[in-house]
């Protein structure tokens, strides 16, 4: 029988966030763009691509559009993304993922002050 510690049930933050993308033309290009960024790890599987980042991941749609050679926006991103972990915040020009909610506080209205 396994113990809880073998499965990494620590209470600290991993400081990681990420997405699973379809392994198709658009997913491959997005992963290729993200691979050039510091602190980003890409793992390619036959039917999906994992994009994992430390603390914050930013998917810049203009940068992806340039690499793809065709317009790329939020609906395109949502089409190729199947799962994510971390706090996801969408903007008109980019999508950001944050490993910790407090890192996204200014974007999501998360108040870090204690309630009296």
C-alpha atoms as a PDB file:
ATOM      1  CA  UNK A   1       0.000   0.000   0.000  1.00  0.00           C
ATOM      2  CA  UNK A   2       1.228   3.508  -0.841  1.00  0.00           C
ATOM      3  CA  UNK A   3       1.587   6.310   1.633  1.00  0.00           C
ATOM      4  CA  UNK A   4       0.266   9.825   1.045  1.00  0.00           C
ATOM      5  CA  UNK A   5       3.788  11.243   0.810  1.00  0.00           C
ATOM      6  CA  UNK A   6       4.526   9.145  -2.275  1.00  0.00           C
ATOM      7  CA  UNK A   7       1.855  11.060  -4.139  1.00  0.00           C
ATOM      8  CA  UNK A   8       3.124  14.496  -3.197  1.00  0.00           C
ATOM      9  CA  UNK A   9       0.348  15.643  -0.904  1.00  0.00           C
ATOM     10  CA  UNK A  10       2.386  18.488   0.534  1.00  0.00           C
ATOM     11  CA  UNK A  11       0.526  21.671   1.401  1.00  0.00           C
ATOM     12  CA  UNK A  12       2.871  24.073  -0.386  1.00  0.00           C
ATOM     13  CA  UNK A  13       2.378  25.547  -3.831  1.00  0.00           C
ATOM     14  CA  UNK A  14       4.075  23.954  -6.806  1.00  0.00           C
ATOM     15  CA  UNK A  15       4.308  27.414  -8.439  1.00  0.00           C
ATOM     16  CA  UNK A  16       3.314  25.710 -11.695  1.00  0.00           C
ATOM     17  CA  UNK A  17       0.506  26.328 -14.172  1.00  0.00           C
ATOM     18  CA  UNK A  18      -0.202  24.954 -17.602  1.00  0.00           C
ATOM     19  CA  UNK A  19      -2.467  23.786 -20.381  1.00  0.00           C
ATOM     20  CA  UNK A  20      -3.041  20.704 -22.475  1.00  0.00           C
ATOM     21  CA  UNK A  21      -3.288  21.497 -26.187  1.00  0.00           C
ATOM     22  CA  UNK A  22      -4.478  19.396 -29.094  1.00  0.00           C
ATOM     23  CA  UNK A  23      -1.550  18.051 -31.099  1.00  0.00           C
ATOM     24  CA  UNK A  24      -2.692  19.557 -34.382  1.00  0.00           C
ATOM     25  CA  UNK A  25      -1.250  22.323 -36.567  1.00  0.00           C
ATOM     26  CA  UNK A  26      -2.380  25.191 -34.326  1.00  0.00           C
ATOM     27  CA  UNK A  27      -1.504  23.406 -31.089  1.00  0.00           C
ATOM     28  CA  UNK A  28       1.953  22.587 -32.402  1.00  0.00           C
ATOM     29  CA  UNK A  29       2.607  26.217 -33.422  1.00  0.00           C
ATOM     30  CA  UNK A  30       1.401  27.539 -30.047  1.00  0.00           C
ATOM     31  CA  UNK A  31       3.663  25.068 -28.225  1.00  0.00           C
ATOM     32  CA  UNK A  32       6.565  26.020 -30.497  1.00  0.00           C
ATOM     33  CA  UNK A  33       6.085  29.715 -29.654  1.00  0.00           C
ATOM     34  CA  UNK A  34       5.893  28.948 -25.943  1.00  0.00           C
ATOM     35  CA  UNK A  35       8.986  26.701 -26.048  1.00  0.00           C
ATOM     36  CA  UNK A  36      11.186  29.769 -26.588  1.00  0.00           C
ATOM     37  CA  UNK A  37      10.075  31.360 -23.305  1.00  0.00           C
ATOM     38  CA  UNK A  38      12.006  31.083 -20.044  1.00  0.00           C
ATOM     39  CA  UNK A  39      10.600  28.668 -17.486  1.00  0.00           C
ATOM     40  CA  UNK A  40       8.306  26.878 -19.942  1.00  0.00           C
ATOM     41  CA  UNK A  41       8.407  23.119 -20.426  1.00  0.00           C
ATOM     42  CA  UNK A  42       6.834  21.409 -23.450  1.00  0.00           C
ATOM     43  CA  UNK A  43       6.028  17.698 -23.547  1.00  0.00           C
ATOM     44  CA  UNK A  44       4.638  16.340 -26.802  1.00  0.00           C
ATOM     45  CA  UNK A  45       2.452  13.222 -26.828  1.00  0.00           C
ATOM     46  CA  UNK A  46       0.760  11.590 -29.839  1.00  0.00           C
ATOM     47  CA  UNK A  47      -2.584  13.317 -29.294  1.00  0.00           C
ATOM     48  CA  UNK A  48      -1.751  16.243 -26.988  1.00  0.00           C
ATOM     49  CA  UNK A  49       0.918  18.713 -26.006  1.00  0.00           C
ATOM     50  CA  UNK A  50       1.570  19.803 -22.415  1.00  0.00           C
ATOM     51  CA  UNK A  51       2.691  23.393 -21.881  1.00  0.00           C
ATOM     52  CA  UNK A  52       3.792  23.912 -18.281  1.00  0.00           C
ATOM     53  CA  UNK A  53       5.204  27.096 -16.804  1.00  0.00           C
ATOM     54  CA  UNK A  54       6.626  28.429 -13.589  1.00  0.00           C
ATOM     55  CA  UNK A  55       4.519  31.078 -11.820  1.00  0.00           C
ATOM     56  CA  UNK A  56       2.948  32.724 -14.929  1.00  0.00           C
ATOM     57  CA  UNK A  57       2.276  31.665 -18.529  1.00  0.00           C
ATOM     58  CA  UNK A  58       1.312  34.270 -21.120  1.00  0.00           C
ATOM     59  CA  UNK A  59      -0.099  33.237 -24.487  1.00  0.00           C
ATOM     60  CA  UNK A  60       0.318  36.372 -26.636  1.00  0.00           C
ATOM     61  CA  UNK A  61      -2.117  36.147 -29.542  1.00  0.00           C
ATOM     62  CA  UNK A  62      -0.177  38.583 -31.774  1.00  0.00           C
ATOM     63  CA  UNK A  63       2.973  36.513 -31.336  1.00  0.00           C
ATOM     64  CA  UNK A  64       1.060  33.320 -32.136  1.00  0.00           C
ATOM     65  CA  UNK A  65      -0.623  34.983 -35.142  1.00  0.00           C
ATOM     66  CA  UNK A  66       2.811  35.896 -36.532  1.00  0.00           C
ATOM     67  CA  UNK A  67       4.118  32.348 -36.102  1.00  0.00           C
ATOM     68  CA  UNK A  68       0.967  30.754 -37.498  1.00  0.00           C
ATOM     69  CA  UNK A  69       0.628  33.117 -40.454  1.00  0.00           C
ATOM     70  CA  UNK A  70      -3.115  33.468 -39.824  1.00  0.00           C
ATOM     71  CA  UNK A  71      -5.229  35.338 -37.271  1.00  0.00           C
ATOM     72  CA  UNK A  72      -5.277  33.674 -33.839  1.00  0.00           C
ATOM     73  CA  UNK A  73      -7.453  34.779 -30.948  1.00  0.00           C
ATOM     74  CA  UNK A  74      -9.232  33.647 -27.818  1.00  0.00           C
ATOM     75  CA  UNK A  75     -11.742  31.390 -29.581  1.00  0.00           C
ATOM     76  CA  UNK A  76      -8.879  29.673 -31.437  1.00  0.00           C
ATOM     77  CA  UNK A  77      -7.033  29.177 -28.160  1.00  0.00           C
ATOM     78  CA  UNK A  78     -10.109  27.719 -26.457  1.00  0.00           C
ATOM     79  CA  UNK A  79     -10.630  25.382 -29.408  1.00  0.00           C
ATOM     80  CA  UNK A  80      -7.214  23.735 -29.071  1.00  0.00           C
ATOM     81  CA  UNK A  81      -7.029  23.749 -25.251  1.00  0.00           C
ATOM     82  CA  UNK A  82      -8.630  20.820 -23.462  1.00  0.00           C
ATOM     83  CA  UNK A  83      -7.549  21.324 -19.842  1.00  0.00           C
ATOM     84  CA  UNK A  84      -5.628  23.777 -17.716  1.00  0.00           C
ATOM     85  CA  UNK A  85      -4.403  24.221 -14.180  1.00  0.00           C
ATOM     86  CA  UNK A  86      -3.779  27.508 -12.447  1.00  0.00           C
ATOM     87  CA  UNK A  87      -5.895  30.646 -12.464  1.00  0.00           C
ATOM     88  CA  UNK A  88      -6.747  31.560 -16.073  1.00  0.00           C
ATOM     89  CA  UNK A  89      -7.409  35.172 -17.063  1.00  0.00           C
ATOM     90  CA  UNK A  90      -8.486  36.108 -20.607  1.00  0.00           C
ATOM     91  CA  UNK A  91      -7.790  39.440 -22.289  1.00  0.00           C
ATOM     92  CA  UNK A  92      -8.540  40.577 -25.841  1.00  0.00           C
ATOM     93  CA  UNK A  93      -4.899  40.152 -26.884  1.00  0.00           C
ATOM     94  CA  UNK A  94      -3.647  37.352 -24.616  1.00  0.00           C
ATOM     95  CA  UNK A  95      -4.479  34.657 -22.079  1.00  0.00           C
ATOM     96  CA  UNK A  96      -2.519  34.375 -18.853  1.00  0.00           C
ATOM     97  CA  UNK A  97      -2.301  31.535 -16.360  1.00  0.00           C
ATOM     98  CA  UNK A  98      -1.112  32.083 -12.809  1.00  0.00           C
ATOM     99  CA  UNK A  99       0.176  29.360 -10.510  1.00  0.00           C
ATOM    100  CA  UNK A 100      -1.265  31.073  -7.432  1.00  0.00           C
ATOM    101  CA  UNK A 101      -4.514  33.060  -7.108  1.00  0.00           C
ATOM    102  CA  UNK A 102      -2.751  35.872  -5.266  1.00  0.00           C
ATOM    103  CA  UNK A 103      -0.530  36.412  -8.335  1.00  0.00           C
ATOM    104  CA  UNK A 104      -3.693  37.077 -10.375  1.00  0.00           C
ATOM    105  CA  UNK A 105      -5.314  39.261  -7.679  1.00  0.00           C
ATOM    106  CA  UNK A 106      -5.136  42.527  -9.629  1.00  0.00           C
ATOM    107  CA  UNK A 107      -6.845  40.939 -12.651  1.00  0.00           C
ATOM    108  CA  UNK A 108      -9.634  39.014 -10.915  1.00  0.00           C
ATOM    109  CA  UNK A 109     -10.529  41.325  -8.044  1.00  0.00           C
ATOM    110  CA  UNK A 110      -9.148  38.905  -5.466  1.00  0.00           C
ATOM    111  CA  UNK A 111      -8.731  40.906  -2.253  1.00  0.00           C
ATOM    112  CA  UNK A 112      -5.852  39.697  -0.127  1.00  0.00           C
ATOM    113  CA  UNK A 113      -6.944  41.676   2.944  1.00  0.00           C
ATOM    114  CA  UNK A 114      -8.512  39.711   5.807  1.00  0.00           C
ATOM    115  CA  UNK A 115     -12.227  40.202   6.422  1.00  0.00           C
ATOM    116  CA  UNK A 116     -12.917  41.627   9.920  1.00  0.00           C
END
